[in-house]
């Protein structure tokens, strides 16, 4: 089902007004998630997540329980479309049918019992930084198209700017503080990903999943895993497997 583009300007104008009056992150994210759901017909649930530099979700907002479960599973598994959209700046990640999806097998299997067949995740890009992602879900396969992607991208660009400047004590810490050094961290992550791709013959997505999964299974910061790869320590261990 195609998105109703005519309703987007009015929906976003209302969203912008609400976001500008918020001094705390959580209410702003919750309102944005509802606006995204309303602007995307056929969506059973939507979610917004702000993610810090080591891949940890610091603030989330979902429109319903199913979307919440799908999101939570990604952070516990250390993989999924939302994390991939965040990790690969400006890349829209679409699942046409979860039953035949081969990416993110751990996450896919963990949500197999939920009545969801397709999803779309769009990064929230603020300047040179990706601060999180917008995602929508549907009961039906092939529910989202390039037109849907365009609608979410139209929402994501100004929304990222607004969210990046909304701060509050209930956010865990201020977003602006969490984003300090983001450009350097992203450059180091890109270098580590490239090294893994060359040494282990992985795709870009597989290399990022390797980094995220290693951080989760070894219970260490994502930045530490990246540093180990850049130093050659992690690559040496990988080569011996």
Foldseek 3Di string as FASTA:
>chain_A
DFFDVVCLVVLLVVLVVVLVPFQAQAVNQQSLQVSLPNRAPQFPKKKWFFAFLQGHTLYMYMDDDLVVVLVVLCLLQLDDQFSLQQLDDQDKDKFQFLVPDDPPVSSSVVSVPPQWTIKIKHFQDDPPHTGTIMMTTHNHGRSDDVSSVVSVVVNRDVSSVSSCPRADPVSVGGSVVSCVCRVVSSVLLVVLLVLCCVLVVDDSNVSSSVLSNVCNVVVHGSSVSSVCSVVVNVSVVVVVD
